[in-house]
Amino acid sequence: MSVNEAVTALRDAAPFRRIDERRLKIIAMMGETLSYAPGERLFERGEPGDAAFVVIQGAVDVLLGKPGQETVVATLGKGEIFGEIAALCDQTRTTAIAARGALSVLRLEKSALKNLIHEFPDLAFEFLRVIATRLEATNAQLSQARAKLSALGA
């Protein structure tokens, strides 16, 4: 993967949209580009949150549940970021992530993320927006699931 492909993915990622091209290149060079085969796991639930990832090419499935009984709760594609909550909040991973097909990602270490937020304080607000949007979607899914259960008389 080239730096330009990583920059394009960063430009598409919500937290980085307001950062100029030159700085996006620096961020891309701060990260590590990794490739995964279809079905390969990037991390498991409960692992330390040591980095965030931006999808450069392909997509990932966000998985919840016990191993072997997992459910795909979301699919994230090019320009989407994941793993940022655990990395920024010093938490363990709350989900597992698997490559949906051939996948390339930019891995940004926790220390790099924290340095970026120090340099660009507005990034913190952008990360909060991403998290709030995901929380809203999760709440909507939960509400739908409860309504279905209620309709079934459970």
N, C-alpha and C. Protein backbone atom coordinates (compact mmCIF):
# COMPACT_ATOMS: atom_id res chain seq x y z
N MET A 1 0.83 -1.18 0.00
CA MET A 1 0.00 0.00 0.00
C MET A 1 0.88 1.25 0.00
N SER A 2 0.45 2.22 -0.74
CA SER A 2 1.23 3.46 -0.80
C SER A 2 0.76 4.45 0.26
N VAL A 3 1.60 5.42 0.53
CA VAL A 3 1.24 6.49 1.47
C VAL A 3 0.01 7.22 0.95
N ASN A 4 -0.08 7.40 -0.39
CA ASN A 4 -1.23 8.11 -0.95
C ASN A 4 -2.54 7.38 -0.69
N GLU A 5 -2.52 6.05 -0.74
CA GLU A 5 -3.74 5.28 -0.43
C GLU A 5 -4.12 5.43 1.04
N ALA A 6 -3.13 5.46 1.91
CA ALA A 6 -3.39 5.67 3.32
C ALA A 6 -3.94 7.07 3.57
N VAL A 7 -3.39 8.06 2.87
CA VAL A 7 -3.87 9.44 3.00
C VAL A 7 -5.32 9.54 2.54
N THR A 8 -5.65 8.89 1.44
CA THR A 8 -7.03 8.90 0.95
C THR A 8 -7.97 8.30 1.99
N ALA A 9 -7.57 7.19 2.59
CA ALA A 9 -8.40 6.56 3.61
C ALA A 9 -8.54 7.47 4.83
N LEU A 10 -7.46 8.12 5.24
CA LEU A 10 -7.53 9.05 6.37
C LEU A 10 -8.45 10.22 6.05
N ARG A 11 -8.36 10.73 4.82
CA ARG A 11 -9.21 11.85 4.41
C ARG A 11 -10.69 11.47 4.51
N ASP A 12 -11.00 10.19 4.24
CA ASP A 12 -12.38 9.70 4.32
C ASP A 12 -12.82 9.42 5.76
N ALA A 13 -11.86 9.23 6.67
CA ALA A 13 -12.18 8.90 8.07
C ALA A 13 -12.66 10.16 8.80
N ALA A 14 -13.81 10.05 9.41
CA ALA A 14 -14.45 11.21 10.05
C ALA A 14 -13.52 12.04 10.93
N PRO A 15 -12.73 11.46 11.81
CA PRO A 15 -11.92 12.32 12.68
C PRO A 15 -10.87 13.14 11.96
N PHE A 16 -10.46 12.71 10.77
CA PHE A 16 -9.34 13.35 10.08
C PHE A 16 -9.75 14.25 8.91
N ARG A 17 -11.02 14.40 8.67
CA ARG A 17 -11.49 15.12 7.48
C ARG A 17 -11.07 16.58 7.42
N ARG A 18 -10.83 17.19 8.54
CA ARG A 18 -10.50 18.62 8.56
C ARG A 18 -9.00 18.89 8.61
N ILE A 19 -8.21 17.83 8.50
CA ILE A 19 -6.76 17.99 8.54
C ILE A 19 -6.23 18.11 7.12
N ASP A 20 -5.30 19.03 6.92
CA ASP A 20 -4.79 19.28 5.57
C ASP A 20 -3.95 18.10 5.06
N GLU A 21 -3.80 18.06 3.75
CA GLU A 21 -3.14 16.96 3.04
C GLU A 21 -1.71 16.70 3.54
N ARG A 22 -0.96 17.73 3.76
CA ARG A 22 0.42 17.57 4.22
C ARG A 22 0.47 16.86 5.57
N ARG A 23 -0.41 17.25 6.46
CA ARG A 23 -0.44 16.63 7.79
C ARG A 23 -0.98 15.20 7.72
N LEU A 24 -1.91 14.96 6.81
CA LEU A 24 -2.41 13.59 6.63
C LEU A 24 -1.28 12.66 6.20
N LYS A 25 -0.37 13.16 5.36
CA LYS A 25 0.78 12.35 4.95
C LYS A 25 1.65 12.01 6.15
N ILE A 26 1.85 12.97 7.03
CA ILE A 26 2.65 12.73 8.23
C ILE A 26 1.97 11.67 9.10
N ILE A 27 0.65 11.80 9.26
CA ILE A 27 -0.09 10.81 10.05
C ILE A 27 0.03 9.43 9.41
N ALA A 28 -0.11 9.37 8.09
CA ALA A 28 0.01 8.09 7.39
C ALA A 28 1.38 7.46 7.61
N MET A 29 2.41 8.29 7.63
CA MET A 29 3.76 7.77 7.84
C MET A 29 4.00 7.38 9.29
N MET A 30 3.22 7.93 10.22
CA MET A 30 3.32 7.56 11.63
C MET A 30 2.76 6.16 11.87
N GLY A 31 1.85 5.75 11.00
CA GLY A 31 1.20 4.45 11.17
C GLY A 31 1.91 3.35 10.43
N GLU A 32 1.38 2.17 10.59
CA GLU A 32 1.90 0.97 9.94
C GLU A 32 0.80 0.39 9.07
N THR A 33 1.10 0.13 7.80
CA THR A 33 0.13 -0.48 6.90
C THR A 33 0.22 -1.99 7.01
N LEU A 34 -0.92 -2.61 7.27
CA LEU A 34 -0.99 -4.07 7.45
C LEU A 34 -2.01 -4.66 6.50
N SER A 35 -1.77 -5.90 6.09
CA SER A 35 -2.70 -6.62 5.22
C SER A 35 -3.16 -7.89 5.92
N TYR A 36 -4.43 -8.24 5.67
CA TYR A 36 -5.03 -9.42 6.27
C TYR A 36 -5.77 -10.22 5.20
N ALA A 37 -5.81 -11.53 5.40
CA ALA A 37 -6.54 -12.43 4.51
C ALA A 37 -8.01 -12.48 4.94
N PRO A 38 -8.91 -12.87 4.03
CA PRO A 38 -10.32 -12.99 4.39
C PRO A 38 -10.51 -13.87 5.63
N GLY A 39 -11.27 -13.37 6.59
CA GLY A 39 -11.56 -14.12 7.81
C GLY A 39 -10.52 -13.98 8.90
N GLU A 40 -9.37 -13.44 8.57
CA GLU A 40 -8.31 -13.30 9.57
C GLU A 40 -8.73 -12.28 10.63
N ARG A 41 -8.39 -12.57 11.88
CA ARG A 41 -8.76 -11.71 13.00
C ARG A 41 -7.68 -10.64 13.22
N LEU A 42 -8.14 -9.41 13.42
CA LEU A 42 -7.21 -8.32 13.74
C LEU A 42 -6.99 -8.28 15.25
N PHE A 43 -8.06 -8.50 16.00
CA PHE A 43 -7.96 -8.62 17.45
C PHE A 43 -9.22 -9.26 17.99
N GLU A 44 -9.12 -9.69 19.26
CA GLU A 44 -10.21 -10.37 19.94
C GLU A 44 -10.75 -9.50 21.07
N ARG A 45 -11.98 -9.75 21.43
CA ARG A 45 -12.58 -9.06 22.57
C ARG A 45 -11.74 -9.37 23.81
N GLY A 46 -11.50 -8.33 24.63
CA GLY A 46 -10.74 -8.50 25.86
C GLY A 46 -9.25 -8.24 25.73
N GLU A 47 -8.74 -8.14 24.50
CA GLU A 47 -7.32 -7.83 24.32
C GLU A 47 -7.06 -6.36 24.63
N PRO A 48 -5.82 -6.03 24.98
CA PRO A 48 -5.48 -4.62 25.24
C PRO A 48 -5.71 -3.75 24.01
N GLY A 49 -6.18 -2.55 24.25
CA GLY A 49 -6.40 -1.60 23.15
C GLY A 49 -5.16 -0.77 22.92
N ASP A 50 -4.26 -1.29 22.11
CA ASP A 50 -2.97 -0.64 21.91
C ASP A 50 -2.88 0.20 20.65
N ALA A 51 -3.96 0.19 19.82
CA ALA A 51 -3.92 0.94 18.56
C ALA A 51 -5.33 1.10 18.00
N ALA A 52 -5.46 2.06 17.11
CA ALA A 52 -6.69 2.22 16.31
C ALA A 52 -6.33 1.89 14.88
N PHE A 53 -7.33 1.60 14.06
CA PHE A 53 -7.12 1.19 12.69
C PHE A 53 -8.03 1.99 11.76
N VAL A 54 -7.52 2.31 10.58
CA VAL A 54 -8.33 2.93 9.53
C VAL A 54 -8.30 1.98 8.34
N VAL A 55 -9.48 1.66 7.80
CA VAL A 55 -9.55 0.76 6.65
C VAL A 55 -9.07 1.50 5.41
N ILE A 56 -8.06 0.93 4.75
CA ILE A 56 -7.55 1.50 3.50
C ILE A 56 -8.27 0.84 2.32
N GLN A 57 -8.35 -0.48 2.33
CA GLN A 57 -9.05 -1.24 1.29
C GLN A 57 -9.73 -2.42 1.94
N GLY A 58 -10.94 -2.74 1.48
CA GLY A 58 -11.67 -3.88 2.00
C GLY A 58 -12.63 -3.46 3.09
N ALA A 59 -12.98 -4.42 3.95
CA ALA A 59 -13.94 -4.18 5.02
C ALA A 59 -13.67 -5.14 6.16
N VAL A 60 -14.15 -4.77 7.35
CA VAL A 60 -14.05 -5.63 8.53
C VAL A 60 -15.43 -5.86 9.11
N ASP A 61 -15.59 -7.02 9.75
CA ASP A 61 -16.80 -7.31 10.50
C ASP A 61 -16.50 -7.07 11.97
N VAL A 62 -17.44 -6.40 12.64
CA VAL A 62 -17.36 -6.17 14.07
C VAL A 62 -18.19 -7.28 14.71
N LEU A 63 -17.57 -8.07 15.58
CA LEU A 63 -18.19 -9.27 16.12
C LEU A 63 -18.40 -9.18 17.62
N LEU A 64 -19.60 -9.61 18.05
CA LEU A 64 -19.91 -9.68 19.47
C LEU A 64 -20.37 -11.08 19.80
N GLY A 65 -20.14 -11.51 21.02
CA GLY A 65 -20.59 -12.82 21.46
C GLY A 65 -19.43 -13.72 21.80
N LYS A 66 -19.78 -14.91 22.23
CA LYS A 66 -18.78 -15.91 22.57
C LYS A 66 -18.17 -16.49 21.31
N PRO A 67 -16.89 -16.85 21.34
CA PRO A 67 -16.28 -17.49 20.17
C PRO A 67 -17.13 -18.67 19.69
N GLY A 68 -17.35 -18.72 18.40
CA GLY A 68 -18.18 -19.77 17.82
C GLY A 68 -19.65 -19.41 17.77
N GLN A 69 -20.04 -18.40 18.54
CA GLN A 69 -21.44 -17.95 18.58
C GLN A 69 -21.52 -16.45 18.33
N GLU A 70 -20.55 -15.93 17.62
CA GLU A 70 -20.48 -14.49 17.40
C GLU A 70 -21.50 -14.02 16.38
N THR A 71 -21.91 -12.79 16.55
CA THR A 71 -22.83 -12.12 15.63
C THR A 71 -22.14 -10.90 15.05
N VAL A 72 -22.30 -10.69 13.75
CA VAL A 72 -21.77 -9.48 13.12
C VAL A 72 -22.72 -8.34 13.47
N VAL A 73 -22.21 -7.35 14.19
CA VAL A 73 -23.05 -6.22 14.59
C VAL A 73 -22.83 -5.00 13.71
N ALA A 74 -21.76 -5.02 12.94
CA ALA A 74 -21.49 -3.91 12.01
C ALA A 74 -20.42 -4.36 11.02
N THR A 75 -20.42 -3.71 9.88
CA THR A 75 -19.37 -3.89 8.89
C THR A 75 -18.83 -2.50 8.57
N LEU A 76 -17.52 -2.36 8.62
CA LEU A 76 -16.87 -1.08 8.37
C LEU A 76 -15.99 -1.18 7.14
N GLY A 77 -16.06 -0.16 6.28
CA GLY A 77 -15.32 -0.17 5.03
C GLY A 77 -14.29 0.94 4.94
N LYS A 78 -13.85 1.18 3.72
CA LYS A 78 -12.79 2.15 3.45
C LYS A 78 -13.05 3.48 4.14
N GLY A 79 -12.00 3.95 4.80
CA GLY A 79 -12.08 5.26 5.44
C GLY A 79 -12.74 5.25 6.81
N GLU A 80 -13.12 4.07 7.30
CA GLU A 80 -13.72 4.02 8.63
C GLU A 80 -12.67 3.62 9.65
N ILE A 81 -12.83 4.16 10.85
CA ILE A 81 -11.87 3.92 11.92
C ILE A 81 -12.51 3.00 12.95
N PHE A 82 -11.68 2.17 13.56
CA PHE A 82 -12.17 1.31 14.64
C PHE A 82 -11.02 1.05 15.62
N GLY A 83 -11.39 0.65 16.82
CA GLY A 83 -10.39 0.39 17.85
C GLY A 83 -9.96 1.62 18.60
N GLU A 84 -10.52 2.76 18.25
CA GLU A 84 -10.08 4.02 18.85
C GLU A 84 -10.52 4.15 20.30
N ILE A 85 -11.68 3.61 20.66
CA ILE A 85 -12.16 3.77 22.04
C ILE A 85 -11.20 3.08 23.01
N ALA A 86 -10.89 1.83 22.74
CA ALA A 86 -9.98 1.09 23.62
C ALA A 86 -8.61 1.74 23.67
N ALA A 87 -8.12 2.21 22.53
CA ALA A 87 -6.79 2.81 22.47
C ALA A 87 -6.74 4.14 23.23
N LEU A 88 -7.75 4.97 23.06
CA LEU A 88 -7.74 6.29 23.69
C LEU A 88 -8.11 6.25 25.17
N CYS A 89 -8.89 5.25 25.55
CA CYS A 89 -9.39 5.19 26.93
C CYS A 89 -8.68 4.14 27.78
N ASP A 90 -7.59 3.57 27.26
CA ASP A 90 -6.85 2.54 27.98
C ASP A 90 -7.76 1.41 28.46
N GLN A 91 -8.60 0.95 27.55
CA GLN A 91 -9.54 -0.14 27.84
C GLN A 91 -9.15 -1.37 27.04
N THR A 92 -9.75 -2.49 27.41
CA THR A 92 -9.59 -3.68 26.58
C THR A 92 -10.60 -3.60 25.44
N ARG A 93 -10.39 -4.41 24.43
CA ARG A 93 -11.28 -4.42 23.26
C ARG A 93 -12.66 -4.92 23.67
N THR A 94 -13.70 -4.23 23.18
CA THR A 94 -15.07 -4.62 23.51
C THR A 94 -15.68 -5.54 22.46
N THR A 95 -15.01 -5.66 21.32
CA THR A 95 -15.48 -6.53 20.24
C THR A 95 -14.29 -7.24 19.63
N ALA A 96 -14.59 -8.23 18.81
CA ALA A 96 -13.56 -8.85 17.96
C ALA A 96 -13.71 -8.23 16.57
N ILE A 97 -12.65 -8.23 15.81
CA ILE A 97 -12.67 -7.69 14.45
C ILE A 97 -12.06 -8.72 13.51
N ALA A 98 -12.76 -8.99 12.40
CA ALA A 98 -12.27 -9.95 11.40
C ALA A 98 -12.34 -9.32 10.02
N ALA A 99 -11.36 -9.65 9.19
CA ALA A 99 -11.35 -9.17 7.80
C ALA A 99 -12.52 -9.82 7.06
N ARG A 100 -13.32 -9.03 6.38
CA ARG A 100 -14.46 -9.53 5.61
C ARG A 100 -13.98 -10.17 4.31
N GLY A 101 -12.93 -9.64 3.75
CA GLY A 101 -12.28 -10.13 2.54
C GLY A 101 -10.82 -9.70 2.63
N ALA A 102 -10.16 -9.60 1.50
CA ALA A 102 -8.79 -9.07 1.52
C ALA A 102 -8.85 -7.67 2.12
N LEU A 103 -7.92 -7.37 3.01
CA LEU A 103 -8.01 -6.15 3.80
C LEU A 103 -6.65 -5.49 3.95
N SER A 104 -6.65 -4.15 3.85
CA SER A 104 -5.47 -3.34 4.19
C SER A 104 -5.93 -2.28 5.16
N VAL A 105 -5.16 -2.09 6.22
CA VAL A 105 -5.48 -1.09 7.22
C VAL A 105 -4.25 -0.28 7.58
N LEU A 106 -4.49 0.90 8.11
CA LEU A 106 -3.43 1.71 8.69
C LEU A 106 -3.58 1.58 10.20
N ARG A 107 -2.54 1.08 10.84
CA ARG A 107 -2.56 0.89 12.30
C ARG A 107 -1.87 2.08 12.93
N LEU A 108 -2.58 2.76 13.84
CA LEU A 108 -2.04 3.92 14.54
C LEU A 108 -1.91 3.59 16.02
N GLU A 109 -0.68 3.54 16.48
CA GLU A 109 -0.40 3.22 17.89
C GLU A 109 -1.09 4.22 18.83
N LYS A 110 -1.41 3.74 20.02
CA LYS A 110 -2.04 4.56 21.05
C LYS A 110 -1.24 5.85 21.29
N SER A 111 0.07 5.73 21.39
CA SER A 111 0.90 6.92 21.66
C SER A 111 0.80 7.92 20.51
N ALA A 112 0.74 7.44 19.28
CA ALA A 112 0.59 8.34 18.12
C ALA A 112 -0.75 9.05 18.17
N LEU A 113 -1.81 8.31 18.52
CA LEU A 113 -3.14 8.94 18.62
C LEU A 113 -3.15 10.03 19.67
N LYS A 114 -2.57 9.74 20.81
CA LYS A 114 -2.55 10.73 21.89
C LYS A 114 -1.73 11.95 21.49
N ASN A 115 -0.61 11.74 20.79
CA ASN A 115 0.19 12.87 20.30
C ASN A 115 -0.60 13.69 19.29
N LEU A 116 -1.35 13.02 18.42
CA LEU A 116 -2.16 13.73 17.44
C LEU A 116 -3.22 14.60 18.11
N ILE A 117 -3.85 14.06 19.14
CA ILE A 117 -4.88 14.83 19.85
C ILE A 117 -4.24 16.01 20.57
N HIS A 118 -3.03 15.82 21.08
CA HIS A 118 -2.32 16.94 21.71
C HIS A 118 -2.02 18.03 20.69
N GLU A 119 -1.59 17.61 19.49
CA GLU A 119 -1.26 18.56 18.43
C GLU A 119 -2.50 19.18 17.80
N PHE A 120 -3.56 18.38 17.66
CA PHE A 120 -4.81 18.83 17.04
C PHE A 120 -5.96 18.59 18.03
N PRO A 121 -6.16 19.50 18.99
CA PRO A 121 -7.20 19.28 20.02
C PRO A 121 -8.59 19.03 19.44
N ASP A 122 -8.89 19.57 18.27
CA ASP A 122 -10.20 19.34 17.66
C ASP A 122 -10.42 17.88 17.30
N LEU A 123 -9.34 17.12 17.18
CA LEU A 123 -9.46 15.69 16.89
C LEU A 123 -10.25 14.97 17.98
N ALA A 124 -10.07 15.41 19.22
CA ALA A 124 -10.81 14.77 20.32
C ALA A 124 -12.31 14.90 20.09
N PHE A 125 -12.76 16.06 19.65
CA PHE A 125 -14.18 16.25 19.37
C PHE A 125 -14.64 15.40 18.20
N GLU A 126 -13.77 15.24 17.22
CA GLU A 126 -14.12 14.42 16.06
C GLU A 126 -14.25 12.94 16.47
N PHE A 127 -13.36 12.49 17.34
CA PHE A 127 -13.48 11.11 17.85
C PHE A 127 -14.77 10.96 18.65
N LEU A 128 -15.11 11.98 19.45
CA LEU A 128 -16.38 11.93 20.19
C LEU A 128 -17.58 11.85 19.26
N ARG A 129 -17.51 12.55 18.13
CA ARG A 129 -18.61 12.48 17.15
C ARG A 129 -18.77 11.07 16.60
N VAL A 130 -17.65 10.43 16.28
CA VAL A 130 -17.69 9.06 15.78
C VAL A 130 -18.31 8.14 16.82
N ILE A 131 -17.85 8.27 18.06
CA ILE A 131 -18.35 7.43 19.14
C ILE A 131 -19.83 7.68 19.38
N ALA A 132 -20.25 8.94 19.36
CA ALA A 132 -21.67 9.28 19.56
C ALA A 132 -22.54 8.71 18.45
N THR A 133 -22.06 8.76 17.22
CA THR A 133 -22.82 8.20 16.09
C THR A 133 -22.97 6.70 16.26
N ARG A 134 -21.92 6.03 16.68
CA ARG A 134 -22.01 4.58 16.91
C ARG A 134 -22.94 4.26 18.05
N LEU A 135 -22.91 5.05 19.11
CA LEU A 135 -23.80 4.83 20.25
C LEU A 135 -25.26 5.00 19.83
N GLU A 136 -25.52 6.00 19.01
CA GLU A 136 -26.88 6.21 18.51
C GLU A 136 -27.36 5.02 17.69
N ALA A 137 -26.50 4.50 16.82
CA ALA A 137 -26.85 3.33 16.02
C ALA A 137 -27.08 2.10 16.90
N THR A 138 -26.23 1.93 17.91
CA THR A 138 -26.39 0.80 18.83
C THR A 138 -27.70 0.91 19.60
N ASN A 139 -28.03 2.11 20.05
CA ASN A 139 -29.29 2.32 20.76
C ASN A 139 -30.49 2.00 19.87
N ALA A 140 -30.41 2.39 18.60
CA ALA A 140 -31.49 2.09 17.66
C ALA A 140 -31.63 0.58 17.47
N GLN A 141 -30.51 -0.13 17.33
CA GLN A 141 -30.55 -1.58 17.18
C GLN A 141 -31.13 -2.24 18.42
N LEU A 142 -30.75 -1.76 19.57
CA LEU A 142 -31.26 -2.31 20.82
C LEU A 142 -32.76 -2.07 20.95
N SER A 143 -33.19 -0.91 20.58
CA SER A 143 -34.62 -0.58 20.61
C SER A 143 -35.41 -1.50 19.68
N GLN A 144 -34.88 -1.73 18.48
CA GLN A 144 -35.54 -2.63 17.52
C GLN A 144 -35.60 -4.05 18.06
N ALA A 145 -34.51 -4.50 18.66
CA ALA A 145 -34.47 -5.86 19.21
C ALA A 145 -35.47 -6.01 20.34
N ARG A 146 -35.57 -5.01 21.19
CA ARG A 146 -36.54 -5.04 22.29
C ARG A 146 -37.97 -5.06 21.77
N ALA A 147 -38.21 -4.28 20.73
CA ALA A 147 -39.56 -4.24 20.14
C ALA A 147 -39.93 -5.61 19.56
N LYS A 148 -38.97 -6.27 18.91
CA LYS A 148 -39.22 -7.60 18.36
C LYS A 148 -39.51 -8.60 19.46
N LEU A 149 -38.74 -8.55 20.54
CA LEU A 149 -38.95 -9.44 21.67
C LEU A 149 -40.31 -9.19 22.31
N SER A 150 -40.66 -7.94 22.43
CA SER A 150 -41.95 -7.58 23.01
C SER A 150 -43.10 -8.10 22.14
N ALA A 151 -42.94 -7.98 20.82
CA ALA A 151 -43.98 -8.47 19.88
C ALA A 151 -44.13 -9.97 19.96
N LEU A 152 -43.04 -10.67 20.30
CA LEU A 152 -43.07 -12.12 20.43
C LEU A 152 -43.60 -12.56 21.79
N GLY A 153 -43.81 -11.59 22.67
CA GLY A 153 -44.34 -11.89 24.00
C GLY A 153 -43.28 -12.37 24.97
N ALA A 154 -42.04 -12.07 24.68
CA ALA A 154 -40.96 -12.52 25.56
C ALA A 154 -40.72 -11.55 26.68
